[in-house]
PDB file of N, CA and C in Angstrom:
ATOM      1  N   MET A   1     -55.183 -50.847-145.527  1.00  0.00           N
ATOM      2  CA  MET A   1     -54.381 -52.025-146.127  1.00  0.00           C
ATOM      3  C   MET A   1     -54.661 -53.656-146.331  1.00  0.00           C
ATOM      4  N   VAL A   2     -55.505 -53.725-145.005  1.00  0.00           N
ATOM      5  CA  VAL A   2     -55.858 -55.494-144.754  1.00  0.00           C
ATOM      6  C   VAL A   2     -56.558 -55.363-145.415  1.00  0.00           C
ATOM      7  N   ALA A   3     -58.158 -54.445-145.656  1.00  0.00           N
ATOM      8  CA  ALA A   3     -59.434 -54.973-145.922  1.00  0.00           C
ATOM      9  C   ALA A   3     -58.791 -55.253-147.769  1.00  0.00           C
ATOM     10  N   ALA A   4     -58.066 -54.118-147.989  1.00  0.00           N
ATOM     11  CA  ALA A   4     -57.582 -54.086-149.313  1.00  0.00           C
ATOM     12  C   ALA A   4     -57.142 -55.609-150.235  1.00  0.00           C
ATOM     13  N   GLY A   5     -56.041 -56.049-148.925  1.00  0.00           N
ATOM     14  CA  GLY A   5     -55.695 -57.377-149.206  1.00  0.00           C
ATOM     15  C   GLY A   5     -56.553 -58.619-149.238  1.00  0.00           C
ATOM     16  N   LEU A   6     -57.182 -58.279-148.526  1.00  0.00           N
ATOM     17  CA  LEU A   6     -58.445 -59.248-148.049  1.00  0.00           C
ATOM     18  C   LEU A   6     -59.742 -59.391-149.440  1.00  0.00           C
ATOM     19  N   PHE A   7     -59.697 -58.260-149.846  1.00  0.00           N
ATOM     20  CA  PHE A   7     -60.617 -57.705-151.260  1.00  0.00           C
ATOM     21  C   PHE A   7     -59.658 -58.553-152.052  1.00  0.00           C
ATOM     22  N   ALA A   8     -58.832 -58.221-152.640  1.00  0.00           N
ATOM     23  CA  ALA A   8     -57.788 -59.104-153.409  1.00  0.00           C
ATOM     24  C   ALA A   8     -58.109 -60.459-153.079  1.00  0.00           C
ATOM     25  N   LEU A   9     -57.619 -61.272-152.228  1.00  0.00           N
ATOM     26  CA  LEU A   9     -57.765 -62.875-152.024  1.00  0.00           C
ATOM     27  C   LEU A   9     -58.901 -63.256-152.216  1.00  0.00           C
ATOM     28  N   THR A  10     -59.643 -62.432-152.086  1.00  0.00           N
ATOM     29  CA  THR A  10     -61.434 -63.171-152.100  1.00  0.00           C
ATOM     30  C   THR A  10     -61.767 -62.627-153.531  1.00  0.00           C
ATOM     31  N   MET A  11     -61.193 -61.894-154.453  1.00  0.00           N
ATOM     32  CA  MET A  11     -61.181 -62.324-155.741  1.00  0.00           C
ATOM     33  C   MET A  11     -60.402 -63.107-156.425  1.00  0.00           C
ATOM     34  N   LEU A  12     -59.320 -63.453-156.138  1.00  0.00           N
ATOM     35  CA  LEU A  12     -58.079 -64.119-156.390  1.00  0.00           C
ATOM     36  C   LEU A  12     -59.275 -65.659-156.270  1.00  0.00           C
ATOM     37  N   LEU A  13     -59.516 -65.762-154.990  1.00  0.00           N
ATOM     38  CA  LEU A  13     -60.150 -67.120-155.034  1.00  0.00           C
ATOM     39  C   LEU A  13     -61.828 -67.318-155.607  1.00  0.00           C
ATOM     40  N   ALA A  14     -62.559 -66.481-155.938  1.00  0.00           N
ATOM     41  CA  ALA A  14     -63.413 -66.492-156.591  1.00  0.00           C
ATOM     42  C   ALA A  14     -62.867 -67.045-158.231  1.00  0.00           C
ATOM     43  N   ALA A  15     -61.892 -66.260-158.494  1.00  0.00           N
ATOM     44  CA  ALA A  15     -61.763 -66.765-159.937  1.00  0.00           C
ATOM     45  C   ALA A  15     -61.142 -68.247-160.147  1.00  0.00           C
ATOM     46  N   ARG A  16     -60.517 -68.745-159.296  1.00  0.00           N
ATOM     47  CA  ARG A  16     -59.937 -70.388-159.394  1.00  0.00           C
ATOM     48  C   ARG A  16     -61.313 -71.373-159.121  1.00  0.00           C
ATOM     49  N   PRO A  17     -60.962 -72.201-159.961  1.00  0.00           N
ATOM     50  CA  PRO A  17     -61.978 -73.381-159.582  1.00  0.00           C
ATOM     51  C   PRO A  17     -62.072 -73.647-158.476  1.00  0.00           C
ATOM     52  N   VAL A  18     -62.970 -74.828-157.593  1.00  0.00           N
ATOM     53  CA  VAL A  18     -63.332 -75.110-156.525  1.00  0.00           C
ATOM     54  C   VAL A  18     -62.013 -76.409-156.274  1.00  0.00           C
ATOM     55  N   SER A  19     -61.857 -76.351-155.234  1.00  0.00           N
ATOM     56  CA  SER A  19     -60.829 -77.516-154.617  1.00  0.00           C
ATOM     57  C   SER A  19     -61.139 -77.866-153.002  1.00  0.00           C
ATOM     58  N   ALA A  20     -60.946 -78.566-152.941  1.00  0.00           N
ATOM     59  CA  ALA A  20     -60.940 -79.503-151.723  1.00  0.00           C
ATOM     60  C   ALA A  20     -60.954 -78.368-150.586  1.00  0.00           C
ATOM     61  N   THR A  21     -61.264 -77.700-149.462  1.00  0.00           N
ATOM     62  CA  THR A  21     -60.781 -77.141-148.133  1.00  0.00           C
ATOM     63  C   THR A  21     -60.907 -75.278-148.784  1.00  0.00           C
ATOM     64  N   GLU A  22     -62.102 -75.328-149.237  1.00  0.00           N
ATOM     65  CA  GLU A  22     -61.843 -73.728-150.012  1.00  0.00           C
ATOM     66  C   GLU A  22     -63.209 -73.039-149.646  1.00  0.00           C
ATOM     67  N   LEU A  23     -63.164 -72.214-149.412  1.00  0.00           N
ATOM     68  CA  LEU A  23     -64.359 -71.027-148.908  1.00  0.00           C
ATOM     69  C   LEU A  23     -65.123 -71.019-150.573  1.00  0.00           C
ATOM     70  N   LEU A  24     -66.095 -71.359-150.055  1.00  0.00           N
ATOM     71  CA  LEU A  24     -67.191 -71.126-151.132  1.00  0.00           C
ATOM     72  C   LEU A  24     -67.968 -69.957-151.042  1.00  0.00           C
ATOM     73  N   GLY A  25     -67.906 -69.548-150.008  1.00  0.00           N
ATOM     74  CA  GLY A  25     -69.130 -68.107-149.752  1.00  0.00           C
ATOM     75  C   GLY A  25     -69.048 -67.716-148.509  1.00  0.00           C
ATOM     76  N   LYS A  26     -69.705 -67.166-148.272  1.00  0.00           N
ATOM     77  CA  LYS A  26     -69.076 -65.917-146.600  1.00  0.00           C
ATOM     78  C   LYS A  26     -69.070 -66.964-145.299  1.00  0.00           C
ATOM     79  N   ASP A  27     -70.097 -67.947-145.472  1.00  0.00           N
ATOM     80  CA  ASP A  27     -70.099 -69.209-144.062  1.00  0.00           C
ATOM     81  C   ASP A  27     -70.317 -70.666-144.595  1.00  0.00           C
ATOM     82  N   THR A  28     -69.672 -70.887-146.323  1.00  0.00           N
ATOM     83  CA  THR A  28     -69.176 -72.278-146.716  1.00  0.00           C
ATOM     84  C   THR A  28     -68.345 -72.225-146.963  1.00  0.00           C
ATOM     85  N   TYR A  29     -67.971 -73.778-146.731  1.00  0.00           N
ATOM     86  CA  TYR A  29     -66.744 -74.464-147.427  1.00  0.00           C
ATOM     87  C   TYR A  29     -66.851 -75.429-147.853  1.00  0.00           C
ATOM     88  N   SER A  30     -65.848 -76.116-148.791  1.00  0.00           N
ATOM     89  CA  SER A  30     -65.453 -77.516-149.243  1.00  0.00           C
ATOM     90  C   SER A  30     -64.560 -78.156-148.792  1.00  0.00           C
ATOM     91  N   PRO A  31     -64.743 -78.878-147.907  1.00  0.00           N
ATOM     92  CA  PRO A  31     -63.662 -79.930-147.311  1.00  0.00           C
ATOM     93  C   PRO A  31     -62.798 -80.941-147.818  1.00  0.00           C
ATOM     94  N   VAL A  32     -63.444 -81.507-148.652  1.00  0.00           N
ATOM     95  CA  VAL A  32     -63.412 -82.365-149.685  1.00  0.00           C
ATOM     96  C   VAL A  32     -64.490 -82.521-150.987  1.00  0.00           C
ATOM     97  N   PRO A  33     -63.542 -82.878-152.226  1.00  0.00           N
ATOM     98  CA  PRO A  33     -64.684 -82.889-153.350  1.00  0.00           C
ATOM     99  C   PRO A  33     -65.938 -83.316-152.912  1.00  0.00           C
ATOM    100  N   GLY A  34     -66.876 -82.646-153.243  1.00  0.00           N
ATOM    101  CA  GLY A  34     -68.278 -83.733-153.229  1.00  0.00           C
ATOM    102  C   GLY A  34     -69.136 -83.061-152.157  1.00  0.00           C
ATOM    103  N   THR A  35     -68.682 -82.930-151.179  1.00  0.00           N
ATOM    104  CA  THR A  35     -69.199 -82.085-149.871  1.00  0.00           C
ATOM    105  C   THR A  35     -68.774 -80.295-149.650  1.00  0.00           C
ATOM    106  N   ILE A  36     -70.100 -80.015-149.224  1.00  0.00           N
ATOM    107  CA  ILE A  36     -70.423 -78.600-148.814  1.00  0.00           C
ATOM    108  C   ILE A  36     -70.373 -78.663-147.401  1.00  0.00           C
ATOM    109  N   CYS A  37     -70.140 -77.834-146.382  1.00  0.00           N
ATOM    110  CA  CYS A  37     -69.827 -77.540-145.212  1.00  0.00           C
ATOM    111  C   CYS A  37     -70.606 -76.035-144.438  1.00  0.00           C
ATOM    112  N   ASP A  38     -71.094 -75.758-143.959  1.00  0.00           N
ATOM    113  CA  ASP A  38     -71.104 -74.164-143.182  1.00  0.00           C
ATOM    114  C   ASP A  38     -71.156 -74.450-141.159  1.00  0.00           C
ATOM    115  N   THR A  39     -70.948 -73.354-140.728  1.00  0.00           N
ATOM    116  CA  THR A  39     -71.177 -73.670-139.043  1.00  0.00           C
ATOM    117  C   THR A  39     -72.202 -74.420-138.662  1.00  0.00           C
ATOM    118  N   TYR A  40     -73.647 -75.305-139.616  1.00  0.00           N
ATOM    119  CA  TYR A  40     -74.185 -76.473-138.690  1.00  0.00           C
ATOM    120  C   TYR A  40     -74.493 -77.367-139.526  1.00  0.00           C
ATOM    121  N   ILE A  41     -74.299 -77.250-140.824  1.00  0.00           N
ATOM    122  CA  ILE A  41     -74.357 -78.703-141.470  1.00  0.00           C
ATOM    123  C   ILE A  41     -73.640 -78.881-142.522  1.00  0.00           C
ATOM    124  N   CYS A  42     -73.551 -80.351-143.354  1.00  0.00           N
ATOM    125  CA  CYS A  42     -72.375 -80.549-143.554  1.00  0.00           C
ATOM    126  C   CYS A  42     -73.642 -81.399-145.093  1.00  0.00           C
ATOM    127  N   ALA A  43     -73.473 -81.671-146.373  1.00  0.00           N
ATOM    128  CA  ALA A  43     -73.857 -82.487-147.103  1.00  0.00           C
ATOM    129  C   ALA A  43     -73.425 -82.690-148.582  1.00  0.00           C
ATOM    130  N   THR A  44     -73.191 -84.016-148.937  1.00  0.00           N
ATOM    131  CA  THR A  44     -72.918 -84.431-150.165  1.00  0.00           C
ATOM    132  C   THR A  44     -73.538 -84.417-151.296  1.00  0.00           C
ATOM    133  N   GLY A  45     -73.039 -84.246-152.295  1.00  0.00           N
ATOM    134  CA  GLY A  45     -73.447 -84.668-153.528  1.00  0.00           C
ATOM    135  C   GLY A  45     -74.397 -86.249-153.813  1.00  0.00           C
ATOM    136  N   THR A  46     -74.145 -86.826-153.030  1.00  0.00           N
ATOM    137  CA  THR A  46     -74.139 -88.192-153.767  1.00  0.00           C
ATOM    138  C   THR A  46     -75.456 -88.591-152.075  1.00  0.00           C
ATOM    139  N   GLY A  47     -75.404 -87.905-151.553  1.00  0.00           N
ATOM    140  CA  GLY A  47     -76.656 -88.353-150.333  1.00  0.00           C
ATOM    141  C   GLY A  47     -77.161 -87.349-149.411  1.00  0.00           C
ATOM    142  N   GLY A  48     -77.248 -86.224-149.919  1.00  0.00           N
ATOM    143  CA  GLY A  48     -77.496 -84.730-149.403  1.00  0.00           C
ATOM    144  C   GLY A  48     -76.986 -84.504-148.224  1.00  0.00           C
ATOM    145  N   LEU A  49     -77.785 -84.246-147.132  1.00  0.00           N
ATOM    146  CA  LEU A  49     -77.275 -83.624-145.438  1.00  0.00           C
ATOM    147  C   LEU A  49     -76.698 -85.104-145.026  1.00  0.00           C
ATOM    148  N   SER A  50     -75.814 -84.961-144.464  1.00  0.00           N
ATOM    149  CA  SER A  50     -74.685 -85.839-143.626  1.00  0.00           C
ATOM    150  C   SER A  50     -74.213 -85.770-142.483  1.00  0.00           C
ATOM    151  N   VAL A  51     -75.247 -86.363-141.612  1.00  0.00           N
ATOM    152  CA  VAL A  51     -74.541 -86.785-140.577  1.00  0.00           C
ATOM    153  C   VAL A  51     -73.356 -86.844-139.689  1.00  0.00           C
ATOM    154  N   GLU A  52     -72.680 -88.249-140.696  1.00  0.00           N
ATOM    155  CA  GLU A  52     -71.084 -88.487-140.578  1.00  0.00           C
ATOM    156  C   GLU A  52     -70.614 -86.849-140.929  1.00  0.00           C
ATOM    157  N   MET A  53     -70.972 -86.300-141.933  1.00  0.00           N
ATOM    158  CA  MET A  53     -69.359 -85.379-142.526  1.00  0.00           C
ATOM    159  C   MET A  53     -69.856 -84.067-141.463  1.00  0.00           C
ATOM    160  N   THR A  54     -71.318 -83.955-140.640  1.00  0.00           N
ATOM    161  CA  THR A  54     -71.397 -82.703-140.214  1.00  0.00           C
ATOM    162  C   THR A  54     -70.577 -83.257-138.446  1.00  0.00           C
ATOM    163  N   ASP A  55     -70.631 -84.562-138.475  1.00  0.00           N
ATOM    164  CA  ASP A  55     -70.114 -84.539-136.937  1.00  0.00           C
ATOM    165  C   ASP A  55     -68.840 -84.602-137.375  1.00  0.00           C
ATOM    166  N   LYS A  56     -67.849 -84.790-138.211  1.00  0.00           N
ATOM    167  CA  LYS A  56     -66.570 -85.027-138.611  1.00  0.00           C
ATOM    168  C   LYS A  56     -65.781 -83.032-138.777  1.00  0.00           C
ATOM    169  N   TYR A  57     -66.416 -82.901-139.448  1.00  0.00           N
ATOM    170  CA  TYR A  57     -65.911 -81.251-139.834  1.00  0.00           C
ATOM    171  C   TYR A  57     -66.582 -79.917-139.264  1.00  0.00           C
ATOM    172  N   VAL A  58     -68.051 -80.309-138.528  1.00  0.00           N
ATOM    173  CA  VAL A  58     -68.765 -79.523-137.558  1.00  0.00           C
ATOM    174  C   VAL A  58     -68.290 -79.648-136.473  1.00  0.00           C
ATOM    175  N   GLY A  59     -68.721 -81.188-135.948  1.00  0.00           N
ATOM    176  CA  GLY A  59     -68.669 -81.186-134.762  1.00  0.00           C
ATOM    177  C   GLY A  59     -69.913 -82.221-134.204  1.00  0.00           C
ATOM    178  N   PRO A  60     -70.080 -82.687-132.764  1.00  0.00           N
ATOM    179  CA  PRO A  60     -71.031 -84.218-132.544  1.00  0.00           C
ATOM    180  C   PRO A  60     -72.009 -83.059-132.053  1.00  0.00           C
ATOM    181  N   ALA A  61     -72.123 -82.351-131.792  1.00  0.00           N
ATOM    182  CA  ALA A  61     -73.134 -81.157-131.060  1.00  0.00           C
ATOM    183  C   ALA A  61     -74.099 -81.286-132.963  1.00  0.00           C
ATOM    184  N   ALA A  62     -73.391 -80.336-133.967  1.00  0.00           N
ATOM    185  CA  ALA A  62     -74.085 -79.629-134.696  1.00  0.00           C
ATOM    186  C   ALA A  62     -74.610 -81.652-135.466  1.00  0.00           C
ATOM    187  N   ALA A  63     -73.627 -82.498-135.121  1.00  0.00           N
ATOM    188  CA  ALA A  63     -74.452 -83.650-135.927  1.00  0.00           C
ATOM    189  C   ALA A  63     -75.608 -84.624-135.322  1.00  0.00           C
ATOM    190  N   ALA A  64     -75.765 -84.103-133.880  1.00  0.00           N
ATOM    191  CA  ALA A  64     -76.657 -84.768-133.038  1.00  0.00           C
ATOM    192  C   ALA A  64     -77.894 -84.058-133.345  1.00  0.00           C
ATOM    193  N   GLN A  65     -78.089 -82.498-133.692  1.00  0.00           N
ATOM    194  CA  GLN A  65     -78.779 -81.708-133.846  1.00  0.00           C
ATOM    195  C   GLN A  65     -79.568 -81.422-135.261  1.00  0.00           C
ATOM    196  N   LEU A  66     -78.383 -82.177-136.331  1.00  0.00           N
ATOM    197  CA  LEU A  66     -79.294 -82.553-137.608  1.00  0.00           C
ATOM    198  C   LEU A  66     -79.447 -83.670-137.361  1.00  0.00           C
ATOM    199  N   GLN A  67     -79.241 -85.325-136.898  1.00  0.00           N
ATOM    200  CA  GLN A  67     -79.760 -86.424-136.415  1.00  0.00           C
ATOM    201  C   GLN A  67     -80.993 -85.894-136.036  1.00  0.00           C
ATOM    202  N   ARG A  68     -81.570 -84.864-135.023  1.00  0.00           N
ATOM    203  CA  ARG A  68     -82.609 -84.771-133.863  1.00  0.00           C
ATOM    204  C   ARG A  68     -83.674 -83.919-135.530  1.00  0.00           C
ATOM    205  N   ASP A  69     -83.466 -83.104-136.264  1.00  0.00           N
ATOM    206  CA  ASP A  69     -84.130 -82.309-137.501  1.00  0.00           C
ATOM    207  C   ASP A  69     -84.576 -83.241-138.432  1.00  0.00           C
ATOM    208  N   MET A  70     -83.742 -84.431-138.796  1.00  0.00           N
ATOM    209  CA  MET A  70     -83.980 -85.268-139.770  1.00  0.00           C
ATOM    210  C   MET A  70     -85.588 -86.171-139.311  1.00  0.00           C
ATOM    211  N   LYS A  71     -85.460 -86.227-138.138  1.00  0.00           N
ATOM    212  CA  LYS A  71     -86.501 -87.358-137.566  1.00  0.00           C
ATOM    213  C   LYS A  71     -87.938 -86.301-137.332  1.00  0.00           C
ATOM    214  N   SER A  72     -87.518 -84.677-137.932  1.00  0.00           N
ATOM    215  CA  SER A  72     -88.884 -84.534-137.787  1.00  0.00           C
ATOM    216  C   SER A  72     -90.000 -84.693-139.021  1.00  0.00           C
ATOM    217  N   GLU A  73     -91.318 -84.370-138.764  1.00  0.00           N
ATOM    218  CA  GLU A  73     -92.185 -84.493-139.690  1.00  0.00           C
ATOM    219  C   GLU A  73     -92.332 -84.142-141.036  1.00  0.00           C
ATOM    220  N   HIS A  74     -91.194 -82.791-139.775  1.00  0.00           N
ATOM    221  CA  HIS A  74     -91.444 -81.469-141.331  1.00  0.00           C
ATOM    222  C   HIS A  74     -90.078 -81.441-142.382  1.00  0.00           C
ATOM    223  N   PHE A  75     -89.563 -82.754-142.207  1.00  0.00           N
ATOM    224  CA  PHE A  75     -88.032 -82.688-142.697  1.00  0.00           C
ATOM    225  C   PHE A  75     -88.030 -82.918-144.062  1.00  0.00           C
ATOM    226  N   SER A  76     -87.674 -82.072-145.048  1.00  0.00           N
ATOM    227  CA  SER A  76     -87.392 -83.017-146.532  1.00  0.00           C
ATOM    228  C   SER A  76     -85.890 -82.585-146.874  1.00  0.00           C
ATOM    229  N   GLY A  77     -84.917 -83.893-147.136  1.00  0.00           N
ATOM    230  CA  GLY A  77     -83.697 -83.922-147.291  1.00  0.00           C
ATOM    231  C   GLY A  77     -83.176 -83.379-148.766  1.00  0.00           C
ATOM    232  N   THR A  78     -84.055 -83.289-149.524  1.00  0.00           N
ATOM    233  CA  THR A  78     -84.279 -82.880-150.542  1.00  0.00           C
ATOM    234  C   THR A  78     -83.435 -81.631-151.381  1.00  0.00           C
ATOM    235  N   SER A  79     -83.590 -80.604-150.235  1.00  0.00           N
ATOM    236  CA  SER A  79     -83.521 -79.329-150.071  1.00  0.00           C
ATOM    237  C   SER A  79     -83.344 -78.822-149.163  1.00  0.00           C
ATOM    238  N   PHE A  80     -82.229 -78.056-149.005  1.00  0.00           N
ATOM    239  CA  PHE A  80     -81.196 -77.295-147.747  1.00  0.00           C
ATOM    240  C   PHE A  80     -80.874 -76.056-148.446  1.00  0.00           C
ATOM    241  N   THR A  81     -80.857 -75.546-146.993  1.00  0.00           N
ATOM    242  CA  THR A  81     -80.297 -74.162-146.950  1.00  0.00           C
ATOM    243  C   THR A  81     -78.984 -73.993-146.328  1.00  0.00           C
ATOM    244  N   PHE A  82     -77.910 -73.547-146.684  1.00  0.00           N
ATOM    245  CA  PHE A  82     -76.824 -73.441-145.903  1.00  0.00           C
ATOM    246  C   PHE A  82     -76.734 -71.850-145.487  1.00  0.00           C
ATOM    247  N   ALA A  83     -75.816 -71.642-144.442  1.00  0.00           N
ATOM    248  CA  ALA A  83     -75.673 -70.458-143.573  1.00  0.00           C
ATOM    249  C   ALA A  83     -75.616 -69.180-144.222  1.00  0.00           C
ATOM    250  N   ASP A  84     -74.746 -69.363-145.212  1.00  0.00           N
ATOM    251  CA  ASP A  84     -74.828 -68.360-146.039  1.00  0.00           C
ATOM    252  C   ASP A  84     -76.139 -67.710-147.352  1.00  0.00           C
ATOM    253  N   GLY A  85     -77.155 -69.032-147.020  1.00  0.00           N
ATOM    254  CA  GLY A  85     -78.270 -68.255-148.059  1.00  0.00           C
ATOM    255  C   GLY A  85     -78.319 -69.033-149.312  1.00  0.00           C
ATOM    256  N   VAL A  86     -77.192 -69.707-149.747  1.00  0.00           N
ATOM    257  CA  VAL A  86     -77.039 -70.498-150.807  1.00  0.00           C
ATOM    258  C   VAL A  86     -78.243 -72.093-150.645  1.00  0.00           C
ATOM    259  N   ASN A  87     -79.127 -72.554-151.398  1.00  0.00           N
ATOM    260  CA  ASN A  87     -80.236 -73.658-151.433  1.00  0.00           C
ATOM    261  C   ASN A  87     -79.354 -74.083-152.673  1.00  0.00           C
ATOM    262  N   CYS A  88     -79.440 -75.524-152.153  1.00  0.00           N
ATOM    263  CA  CYS A  88     -78.959 -76.683-153.074  1.00  0.00           C
ATOM    264  C   CYS A  88     -80.437 -78.014-153.374  1.00  0.00           C
ATOM    265  N   ASP A  89     -80.830 -78.074-154.161  1.00  0.00           N
ATOM    266  CA  ASP A  89     -82.027 -78.629-154.939  1.00  0.00           C
ATOM    267  C   ASP A  89     -81.205 -80.237-154.967  1.00  0.00           C
ATOM    268  N   MET A  90     -81.296 -81.298-154.368  1.00  0.00           N
ATOM    269  CA  MET A  90     -80.784 -82.802-154.541  1.00  0.00           C
ATOM    270  C   MET A  90     -81.214 -83.293-156.258  1.00  0.00           C
ATOM    271  N   THR A  91     -83.130 -82.874-156.192  1.00  0.00           N
ATOM    272  CA  THR A  91     -83.074 -83.312-157.053  1.00  0.00           C
ATOM    273  C   THR A  91     -83.052 -82.812-158.431  1.00  0.00           C
ATOM    274  N   LEU A  92     -82.552 -81.987-158.915  1.00  0.00           N
ATOM    275  CA  LEU A  92     -82.340 -81.126-159.620  1.00  0.00           C
ATOM    276  C   LEU A  92     -80.679 -80.657-160.124  1.00  0.00           C
ATOM    277  N   ARG A  93     -80.161 -81.415-158.816  1.00  0.00           N
ATOM    278  CA  ARG A  93     -78.560 -81.308-158.393  1.00  0.00           C
ATOM    279  C   ARG A  93     -78.062 -79.893-158.800  1.00  0.00           C
ATOM    280  N   GLN A  94     -78.606 -78.788-158.507  1.00  0.00           N
ATOM    281  CA  GLN A  94     -78.232 -77.951-158.745  1.00  0.00           C
ATOM    282  C   GLN A  94     -77.857 -76.644-157.224  1.00  0.00           C
ATOM    283  N   CYS A  95     -77.246 -75.463-157.206  1.00  0.00           N
ATOM    284  CA  CYS A  95     -77.255 -74.734-155.975  1.00  0.00           C
ATOM    285  C   CYS A  95     -78.013 -73.391-156.430  1.00  0.00           C
ATOM    286  N   TYR A  96     -78.368 -73.034-155.567  1.00  0.00           N
ATOM    287  CA  TYR A  96     -79.202 -71.835-155.706  1.00  0.00           C
ATOM    288  C   TYR A  96     -78.637 -70.442-154.895  1.00  0.00           C
ATOM    289  N   VAL A  97     -78.331 -69.303-155.593  1.00  0.00           N
ATOM    290  CA  VAL A  97     -78.302 -67.957-154.735  1.00  0.00           C
ATOM    291  C   VAL A  97     -78.997 -67.864-153.327  1.00  0.00           C
ATOM    292  N   ASP A  98     -80.571 -68.287-153.515  1.00  0.00           N
ATOM    293  CA  ASP A  98     -80.850 -68.144-152.291  1.00  0.00           C
ATOM    294  C   ASP A  98     -82.078 -69.158-152.726  1.00  0.00           C
ATOM    295  N   ARG A  99     -83.432 -69.626-151.224  1.00  0.00           N
ATOM    296  CA  ARG A  99     -84.638 -70.582-151.572  1.00  0.00           C
ATOM    297  C   ARG A  99     -85.599 -69.566-152.214  1.00  0.00           C
ATOM    298  N   TYR A 100     -85.335 -68.447-152.681  1.00  0.00           N
ATOM    299  CA  TYR A 100     -86.477 -67.856-152.751  1.00  0.00           C
ATOM    300  C   TYR A 100     -87.151 -68.024-154.805  1.00  0.00           C
ATOM    301  N   PHE A 101     -88.276 -68.208-154.708  1.00  0.00           N
ATOM    302  CA  PHE A 101     -88.987 -68.040-156.091  1.00  0.00           C
ATOM    303  C   PHE A 101     -89.537 -66.624-156.238  1.00  0.00           C
ATOM    304  N   THR A 102     -89.327 -66.555-157.817  1.00  0.00           N
ATOM    305  CA  THR A 102     -89.668 -65.557-158.045  1.00  0.00           C
ATOM    306  C   THR A 102     -90.773 -65.321-158.968  1.00  0.00           C
ATOM    307  N   VAL A 103     -91.848 -63.964-159.026  1.00  0.00           N
ATOM    308  CA  VAL A 103     -92.659 -64.182-160.139  1.00  0.00           C
ATOM    309  C   VAL A 103     -93.163 -65.463-160.497  1.00  0.00           C
ATOM    310  N   GLY A 104     -94.031 -65.824-161.283  1.00  0.00           N
ATOM    311  CA  GLY A 104     -94.105 -67.145-162.017  1.00  0.00           C
ATOM    312  C   GLY A 104     -93.159 -68.481-161.989  1.00  0.00           C
ATOM    313  N   ASP A 105     -93.296 -68.593-160.724  1.00  0.00           N
ATOM    314  CA  ASP A 105     -92.319 -69.825-160.180  1.00  0.00           C
ATOM    315  C   ASP A 105     -90.760 -70.343-160.603  1.00  0.00           C
ATOM    316  N   GLY A 106     -90.243 -68.590-160.745  1.00  0.00           N
ATOM    317  CA  GLY A 106     -88.813 -69.079-161.633  1.00  0.00           C
ATOM    318  C   GLY A 106     -87.834 -68.964-160.205  1.00  0.00           C
ATOM    319  N   ARG A 107     -86.710 -70.021-160.339  1.00  0.00           N
ATOM    320  CA  ARG A 107     -86.219 -69.930-159.222  1.00  0.00           C
ATOM    321  C   ARG A 107     -84.866 -68.932-159.604  1.00  0.00           C
ATOM    322  N   SER A 108     -84.618 -68.610-158.051  1.00  0.00           N
ATOM    323  CA  SER A 108     -83.077 -68.060-158.050  1.00  0.00           C
ATOM    324  C   SER A 108     -82.258 -68.410-158.480  1.00  0.00           C
ATOM    325  N   ALA A 109     -80.986 -67.001-159.281  1.00  0.00           N
ATOM    326  CA  ALA A 109     -80.019 -67.907-160.175  1.00  0.00           C
ATOM    327  C   ALA A 109     -79.412 -69.004-159.822  1.00  0.00           C
ATOM    328  N   VAL A 110     -78.802 -69.480-160.619  1.00  0.00           N
ATOM    329  CA  VAL A 110     -77.975 -70.720-160.399  1.00  0.00           C
ATOM    330  C   VAL A 110     -77.015 -70.090-159.554  1.00  0.00           C
ATOM    331  N   ASP A 111     -75.985 -70.878-158.502  1.00  0.00           N
ATOM    332  CA  ASP A 111     -75.161 -70.571-157.722  1.00  0.00           C
ATOM    333  C   ASP A 111     -73.446 -71.982-158.608  1.00  0.00           C
ATOM    334  N   GLU A 112     -73.073 -71.019-159.085  1.00  0.00           N
ATOM    335  CA  GLU A 112     -72.383 -72.450-160.329  1.00  0.00           C
ATOM    336  C   GLU A 112     -71.458 -72.546-159.534  1.00  0.00           C
ATOM    337  N   THR A 113     -70.816 -71.741-157.980  1.00  0.00           N
ATOM    338  CA  THR A 113     -69.401 -71.972-157.350  1.00  0.00           C
ATOM    339  C   THR A 113     -69.638 -72.959-156.386  1.00  0.00           C
ATOM    340  N   HIS A 114     -71.061 -72.770-155.746  1.00  0.00           N
ATOM    341  CA  HIS A 114     -71.225 -74.195-154.840  1.00  0.00           C
ATOM    342  C   HIS A 114     -71.668 -75.066-155.851  1.00  0.00           C
ATOM    343  N   SER A 115     -72.907 -75.117-156.979  1.00  0.00           N
ATOM    344  CA  SER A 115     -73.339 -76.317-157.578  1.00  0.00           C
ATOM    345  C   SER A 115     -72.316 -77.215-157.858  1.00  0.00           C
ATOM    346  N   ASN A 116     -70.788 -76.597-158.390  1.00  0.00           N
ATOM    347  CA  ASN A 116     -69.990 -77.233-159.289  1.00  0.00           C
ATOM    348  C   ASN A 116     -68.824 -78.002-157.514  1.00  0.00           C
ATOM    349  N   ALA A 117     -69.128 -77.262-156.795  1.00  0.00           N
ATOM    350  CA  ALA A 117     -68.217 -78.023-155.360  1.00  0.00           C
ATOM    351  C   ALA A 117     -69.277 -79.129-155.061  1.00  0.00           C
ATOM    352  N   LEU A 118     -70.495 -79.159-154.537  1.00  0.00           N
ATOM    353  CA  LEU A 118     -71.465 -80.231-154.588  1.00  0.00           C
ATOM    354  C   LEU A 118     -71.762 -81.013-155.457  1.00  0.00           C
ATOM    355  N   PHE A 119     -71.891 -81.269-156.693  1.00  0.00           N
ATOM    356  CA  PHE A 119     -72.233 -82.157-157.730  1.00  0.00           C
ATOM    357  C   PHE A 119     -70.751 -81.521-158.641  1.00  0.00           C
ATOM    358  N   PRO A 120     -69.911 -82.311-158.279  1.00  0.00           N
ATOM    359  CA  PRO A 120     -68.702 -82.150-159.482  1.00  0.00           C
ATOM    360  C   PRO A 120     -69.073 -82.724-160.741  1.00  0.00           C
ATOM    361  N   SER A 121     -69.395 -83.981-160.725  1.00  0.00           N
ATOM    362  CA  SER A 121     -69.683 -84.649-161.910  1.00  0.00           C
ATOM    363  C   SER A 121     -70.537 -84.378-162.547  1.00  0.00           C
ATOM    364  N   ARG A 122     -71.776 -83.124-162.601  1.00  0.00           N
ATOM    365  CA  ARG A 122     -72.426 -82.391-163.467  1.00  0.00           C
ATOM    366  C   ARG A 122     -72.732 -82.160-164.600  1.00  0.00           C
TER     367      ARG A 122
END
């Protein structure tokens, strides 16, 4: 009974437009318009990964880890993957169902829910 209720709630949320503090995926949510967080990071559609938003919505330990990661020589802030596997590309202003490319360099399908949450004016 509980599982059926949760399924119905999930389907209802999936059909609605994204609003603040709405669950977007298994591990992602939008605390404010133009921002997506998971259990490790937050990103904004205007600035990409955000230490400030991570500190505010995930916590100071996660923000400190993000700050350390951003100093790495291998860090690229133009593309990042959330805990639910959704990959967002700041240059293209799109989010994709995953970070993998298919044969012929094709991207995975666009994730409209995450794209609209992170880039509301696209």
